[in-house]
Amino acid sequence: MKSVVLAPIITEKGVSLSSNNVYAFLVSPSANKHLVSCEIKQIFKVDVVSVNIINIPGKIKRSGKKFGKRSDIKKAYVRIKSGQKIAVFESEEEKKDKKVKSKDNKDKKAE
């Protein structure tokens, strides 16, 4: 069987939601809440509290006189039990924190 969860969505919004124990994933168009919940439990070994799924229709784009359509996407916002974390998102937050701290240190040295 193919995987339902395709990739984590690591954007500014996605990472900020992780502080509220909500994580965003790109999922298969055929996925439903139950399948997403089961797969997240199996992959990341966390307790899923709720799953919200959003269908995003692809935009129509034009190149010259020809029109095309981007693929439709489906996102799943997964809320996990408080106190648990998913490592993929936490490492991105830590990288951003380190960048901010290094910029602060450079500013202090410049003064």
N, C-alpha and C. Protein backbone atom coordinates (compact mmCIF):
# COMPACT_ATOMS: atom_id res chain seq x y z
N MET A 1 0.84 -1.18 0.00
CA MET A 1 0.00 0.00 0.00
C MET A 1 0.88 1.25 0.00
N LYS A 2 0.48 2.25 -0.77
CA LYS A 2 1.24 3.49 -0.84
C LYS A 2 1.02 4.32 0.42
N SER A 3 1.98 5.17 0.70
CA SER A 3 1.89 6.05 1.85
C SER A 3 0.86 7.15 1.61
N VAL A 4 0.07 7.45 2.62
CA VAL A 4 -0.95 8.50 2.53
C VAL A 4 -0.32 9.86 2.80
N VAL A 5 0.56 9.92 3.79
CA VAL A 5 1.24 11.18 4.14
C VAL A 5 2.44 11.33 3.22
N LEU A 6 2.43 12.39 2.39
CA LEU A 6 3.49 12.57 1.41
C LEU A 6 4.68 13.36 1.96
N ALA A 7 4.41 14.48 2.66
CA ALA A 7 5.51 15.31 3.15
C ALA A 7 5.02 16.28 4.21
N PRO A 8 5.90 16.68 5.12
CA PRO A 8 5.52 17.74 6.07
C PRO A 8 5.54 19.08 5.35
N ILE A 9 4.69 20.00 5.78
CA ILE A 9 4.67 21.34 5.21
C ILE A 9 5.43 22.24 6.18
N ILE A 10 6.66 22.56 5.79
CA ILE A 10 7.52 23.35 6.67
C ILE A 10 7.57 24.77 6.11
N THR A 11 6.60 25.56 6.54
CA THR A 11 6.52 26.97 6.18
C THR A 11 6.46 27.77 7.47
N GLU A 12 6.43 29.08 7.34
CA GLU A 12 6.36 29.91 8.54
C GLU A 12 5.10 29.58 9.34
N LYS A 13 3.97 29.44 8.64
CA LYS A 13 2.72 29.12 9.32
C LYS A 13 2.77 27.72 9.92
N GLY A 14 3.29 26.77 9.16
CA GLY A 14 3.37 25.40 9.64
C GLY A 14 4.22 25.24 10.88
N VAL A 15 5.35 25.94 10.91
CA VAL A 15 6.24 25.86 12.07
C VAL A 15 5.64 26.58 13.27
N SER A 16 4.95 27.72 13.02
CA SER A 16 4.34 28.44 14.15
C SER A 16 3.18 27.65 14.76
N LEU A 17 2.47 26.87 13.94
CA LEU A 17 1.40 26.03 14.47
C LEU A 17 1.93 24.92 15.36
N SER A 18 3.17 24.51 15.12
CA SER A 18 3.73 23.40 15.91
C SER A 18 3.87 23.76 17.38
N SER A 19 3.90 25.06 17.71
CA SER A 19 3.95 25.44 19.12
C SER A 19 2.63 25.15 19.82
N ASN A 20 1.54 24.98 19.04
CA ASN A 20 0.23 24.62 19.59
C ASN A 20 -0.08 23.14 19.39
N ASN A 21 0.95 22.34 19.15
CA ASN A 21 0.82 20.89 18.91
C ASN A 21 0.00 20.57 17.66
N VAL A 22 0.02 21.45 16.67
CA VAL A 22 -0.64 21.20 15.39
C VAL A 22 0.44 21.16 14.32
N TYR A 23 0.42 20.12 13.49
CA TYR A 23 1.43 19.93 12.46
C TYR A 23 0.74 19.78 11.11
N ALA A 24 1.32 20.37 10.06
CA ALA A 24 0.73 20.36 8.73
C ALA A 24 1.47 19.36 7.83
N PHE A 25 0.70 18.59 7.07
CA PHE A 25 1.28 17.61 6.16
C PHE A 25 0.58 17.67 4.81
N LEU A 26 1.33 17.42 3.75
CA LEU A 26 0.77 17.25 2.42
C LEU A 26 0.37 15.78 2.33
N VAL A 27 -0.88 15.52 1.96
CA VAL A 27 -1.36 14.14 1.93
C VAL A 27 -1.89 13.78 0.54
N SER A 28 -2.07 12.51 0.32
CA SER A 28 -2.58 11.99 -0.94
C SER A 28 -4.01 12.48 -1.17
N PRO A 29 -4.40 12.76 -2.43
CA PRO A 29 -5.77 13.21 -2.70
C PRO A 29 -6.84 12.22 -2.27
N SER A 30 -6.48 10.95 -2.15
CA SER A 30 -7.46 9.94 -1.74
C SER A 30 -7.50 9.74 -0.22
N ALA A 31 -6.71 10.49 0.52
CA ALA A 31 -6.60 10.31 1.97
C ALA A 31 -7.85 10.81 2.69
N ASN A 32 -8.15 10.16 3.82
CA ASN A 32 -9.21 10.65 4.70
C ASN A 32 -8.63 10.79 6.11
N LYS A 33 -9.44 11.34 7.02
CA LYS A 33 -8.95 11.63 8.37
C LYS A 33 -8.44 10.38 9.09
N HIS A 34 -9.16 9.30 8.95
CA HIS A 34 -8.79 8.06 9.64
C HIS A 34 -7.44 7.53 9.14
N LEU A 35 -7.25 7.51 7.81
CA LEU A 35 -5.98 7.02 7.26
C LEU A 35 -4.81 7.90 7.68
N VAL A 36 -5.02 9.22 7.65
CA VAL A 36 -3.96 10.14 8.05
C VAL A 36 -3.61 9.93 9.52
N SER A 37 -4.61 9.81 10.37
CA SER A 37 -4.40 9.61 11.80
C SER A 37 -3.59 8.33 12.06
N CYS A 38 -3.99 7.24 11.43
CA CYS A 38 -3.30 5.96 11.63
C CYS A 38 -1.85 6.03 11.17
N GLU A 39 -1.62 6.67 10.03
CA GLU A 39 -0.26 6.71 9.50
C GLU A 39 0.66 7.61 10.33
N ILE A 40 0.14 8.73 10.82
CA ILE A 40 0.94 9.62 11.67
C ILE A 40 1.31 8.90 12.97
N LYS A 41 0.35 8.16 13.54
CA LYS A 41 0.64 7.37 14.75
C LYS A 41 1.75 6.36 14.49
N GLN A 42 1.67 5.71 13.34
CA GLN A 42 2.63 4.66 13.01
C GLN A 42 4.02 5.23 12.70
N ILE A 43 4.09 6.32 11.95
CA ILE A 43 5.39 6.87 11.54
C ILE A 43 6.10 7.57 12.69
N PHE A 44 5.40 8.46 13.39
CA PHE A 44 6.04 9.32 14.39
C PHE A 44 5.85 8.86 15.83
N LYS A 45 5.07 7.80 16.06
CA LYS A 45 4.86 7.26 17.42
C LYS A 45 4.31 8.32 18.38
N VAL A 46 3.26 9.04 17.94
CA VAL A 46 2.60 10.05 18.77
C VAL A 46 1.11 9.75 18.83
N ASP A 47 0.42 10.33 19.81
CA ASP A 47 -1.03 10.16 19.94
C ASP A 47 -1.73 11.31 19.23
N VAL A 48 -2.55 10.98 18.23
CA VAL A 48 -3.26 12.00 17.45
C VAL A 48 -4.57 12.32 18.14
N VAL A 49 -4.82 13.61 18.38
CA VAL A 49 -6.06 14.06 19.01
C VAL A 49 -7.12 14.34 17.96
N SER A 50 -6.75 15.08 16.90
CA SER A 50 -7.71 15.40 15.84
C SER A 50 -6.98 15.63 14.52
N VAL A 51 -7.74 15.54 13.43
CA VAL A 51 -7.21 15.78 12.09
C VAL A 51 -8.20 16.65 11.33
N ASN A 52 -7.72 17.73 10.74
CA ASN A 52 -8.52 18.57 9.84
C ASN A 52 -7.90 18.48 8.46
N ILE A 53 -8.75 18.28 7.44
CA ILE A 53 -8.26 18.14 6.08
C ILE A 53 -8.82 19.26 5.21
N ILE A 54 -7.95 19.82 4.36
CA ILE A 54 -8.32 20.92 3.47
C ILE A 54 -7.97 20.54 2.04
N ASN A 55 -8.93 20.69 1.12
CA ASN A 55 -8.67 20.51 -0.30
C ASN A 55 -8.36 21.87 -0.91
N ILE A 56 -7.26 21.99 -1.62
CA ILE A 56 -6.89 23.24 -2.27
C ILE A 56 -6.86 23.00 -3.77
N PRO A 57 -7.79 23.63 -4.51
CA PRO A 57 -7.81 23.43 -5.97
C PRO A 57 -6.60 24.10 -6.62
N GLY A 58 -6.08 23.47 -7.68
CA GLY A 58 -4.93 24.02 -8.40
C GLY A 58 -5.31 25.26 -9.17
N LYS A 59 -4.39 26.20 -9.26
CA LYS A 59 -4.64 27.45 -9.98
C LYS A 59 -4.47 27.24 -11.48
N ILE A 60 -5.20 28.03 -12.25
CA ILE A 60 -5.05 28.00 -13.70
C ILE A 60 -3.94 28.98 -14.05
N LYS A 61 -2.96 28.51 -14.81
CA LYS A 61 -1.81 29.33 -15.19
C LYS A 61 -1.73 29.40 -16.71
N ARG A 62 -1.13 30.50 -17.19
CA ARG A 62 -1.03 30.69 -18.63
C ARG A 62 0.43 30.89 -19.02
N SER A 63 0.83 30.27 -20.11
CA SER A 63 2.15 30.45 -20.68
C SER A 63 1.96 30.79 -22.15
N GLY A 64 2.07 32.06 -22.48
CA GLY A 64 1.77 32.48 -23.85
C GLY A 64 0.28 32.37 -24.09
N LYS A 65 -0.09 31.66 -25.15
CA LYS A 65 -1.51 31.49 -25.46
C LYS A 65 -2.09 30.21 -24.85
N LYS A 66 -1.24 29.40 -24.29
CA LYS A 66 -1.69 28.11 -23.75
C LYS A 66 -2.02 28.23 -22.27
N PHE A 67 -3.06 27.53 -21.87
CA PHE A 67 -3.46 27.49 -20.47
C PHE A 67 -3.14 26.13 -19.89
N GLY A 68 -2.81 26.13 -18.63
CA GLY A 68 -2.56 24.89 -17.92
C GLY A 68 -3.12 25.00 -16.52
N LYS A 69 -3.14 23.90 -15.81
CA LYS A 69 -3.68 23.90 -14.45
C LYS A 69 -2.70 23.18 -13.54
N ARG A 70 -2.42 23.80 -12.40
CA ARG A 70 -1.59 23.14 -11.40
C ARG A 70 -2.39 22.04 -10.73
N SER A 71 -1.70 21.09 -10.16
CA SER A 71 -2.37 19.97 -9.50
C SER A 71 -3.10 20.43 -8.25
N ASP A 72 -4.23 19.77 -7.97
CA ASP A 72 -4.94 20.02 -6.71
C ASP A 72 -4.11 19.41 -5.58
N ILE A 73 -4.18 20.04 -4.41
CA ILE A 73 -3.46 19.51 -3.25
C ILE A 73 -4.41 19.31 -2.08
N LYS A 74 -4.02 18.43 -1.21
CA LYS A 74 -4.78 18.17 0.01
C LYS A 74 -3.83 18.29 1.19
N LYS A 75 -4.21 19.13 2.17
CA LYS A 75 -3.40 19.32 3.37
C LYS A 75 -4.13 18.71 4.56
N ALA A 76 -3.36 18.20 5.50
CA ALA A 76 -3.92 17.69 6.75
C ALA A 76 -3.24 18.41 7.90
N TYR A 77 -4.05 19.00 8.77
CA TYR A 77 -3.55 19.62 10.00
C TYR A 77 -3.83 18.64 11.13
N VAL A 78 -2.77 18.12 11.74
CA VAL A 78 -2.87 17.07 12.74
C VAL A 78 -2.53 17.64 14.12
N ARG A 79 -3.47 17.52 15.05
CA ARG A 79 -3.22 17.94 16.44
C ARG A 79 -2.82 16.70 17.23
N ILE A 80 -1.69 16.81 17.94
CA ILE A 80 -1.23 15.68 18.74
C ILE A 80 -1.35 16.02 20.22
N LYS A 81 -1.24 14.99 21.04
CA LYS A 81 -1.38 15.14 22.49
C LYS A 81 -0.31 16.09 23.03
N SER A 82 -0.69 16.95 23.97
CA SER A 82 0.25 17.92 24.52
C SER A 82 1.41 17.21 25.21
N GLY A 83 2.59 17.78 25.07
CA GLY A 83 3.78 17.17 25.64
C GLY A 83 4.55 16.33 24.63
N GLN A 84 3.92 15.98 23.52
CA GLN A 84 4.59 15.19 22.49
C GLN A 84 5.01 16.12 21.35
N LYS A 85 6.04 15.73 20.63
CA LYS A 85 6.54 16.56 19.53
C LYS A 85 6.92 15.68 18.36
N ILE A 86 6.93 16.30 17.17
CA ILE A 86 7.40 15.63 15.97
C ILE A 86 8.73 16.28 15.60
N ALA A 87 9.78 15.48 15.50
CA ALA A 87 11.15 15.99 15.38
C ALA A 87 11.38 16.79 14.10
N VAL A 88 10.70 16.49 13.02
CA VAL A 88 10.93 17.18 11.75
C VAL A 88 10.69 18.67 11.90
N PHE A 89 9.64 19.04 12.60
CA PHE A 89 9.29 20.45 12.75
C PHE A 89 10.16 21.12 13.80
N GLU A 90 10.54 20.41 14.83
CA GLU A 90 11.33 20.99 15.91
C GLU A 90 12.72 21.40 15.42
N SER A 91 13.31 20.61 14.54
CA SER A 91 14.65 20.95 14.05
C SER A 91 14.61 22.23 13.24
N GLU A 92 13.53 22.48 12.51
CA GLU A 92 13.40 23.72 11.74
C GLU A 92 13.29 24.92 12.67
N GLU A 93 12.55 24.79 13.76
CA GLU A 93 12.43 25.89 14.73
C GLU A 93 13.79 26.19 15.35
N GLU A 94 14.54 25.14 15.69
CA GLU A 94 15.84 25.33 16.31
C GLU A 94 16.80 26.04 15.35
N LYS A 95 16.74 25.70 14.06
CA LYS A 95 17.60 26.36 13.08
C LYS A 95 17.29 27.84 13.01
N LYS A 96 16.00 28.19 13.03
CA LYS A 96 15.61 29.59 12.98
C LYS A 96 16.07 30.32 14.23
N ASP A 97 15.94 29.66 15.40
CA ASP A 97 16.39 30.27 16.65
C ASP A 97 17.89 30.53 16.63
N LYS A 98 18.66 29.59 16.10
CA LYS A 98 20.11 29.76 16.02
C LYS A 98 20.47 30.92 15.11
N LYS A 99 19.76 31.07 13.99
CA LYS A 99 20.03 32.17 13.07
C LYS A 99 19.75 33.51 13.74
N VAL A 100 18.65 33.59 14.48
CA VAL A 100 18.30 34.83 15.17
C VAL A 100 19.35 35.15 16.23
N LYS A 101 19.78 34.14 17.00
CA LYS A 101 20.78 34.35 18.04
C LYS A 101 22.11 34.80 17.44
N SER A 102 22.51 34.19 16.31
CA SER A 102 23.79 34.56 15.69
C SER A 102 23.73 35.99 15.16
N LYS A 103 22.58 36.43 14.66
CA LYS A 103 22.43 37.81 14.20
C LYS A 103 22.52 38.77 15.37
N ASP A 104 21.92 38.40 16.50
CA ASP A 104 21.99 39.23 17.70
C ASP A 104 23.43 39.36 18.19
N ASN A 105 24.17 38.26 18.16
CA ASN A 105 25.57 38.28 18.59
C ASN A 105 26.41 39.17 17.68
N LYS A 106 26.15 39.12 16.37
CA LYS A 106 26.89 39.96 15.43
C LYS A 106 26.59 41.43 15.68
N ASP A 107 25.32 41.74 15.98
CA ASP A 107 24.95 43.13 16.27
C ASP A 107 25.64 43.62 17.53
N LYS A 108 25.74 42.77 18.55
CA LYS A 108 26.39 43.16 19.81
C LYS A 108 27.88 43.39 19.59
N LYS A 109 28.51 42.55 18.77
CA LYS A 109 29.94 42.69 18.49
C LYS A 109 30.21 43.97 17.69
N ALA A 110 29.29 44.34 16.82
CA ALA A 110 29.46 45.54 16.00
C ALA A 110 29.41 46.81 16.84
N GLU A 111 28.67 46.76 17.94
CA GLU A 111 28.55 47.93 18.82
C GLU A 111 29.78 48.04 19.62
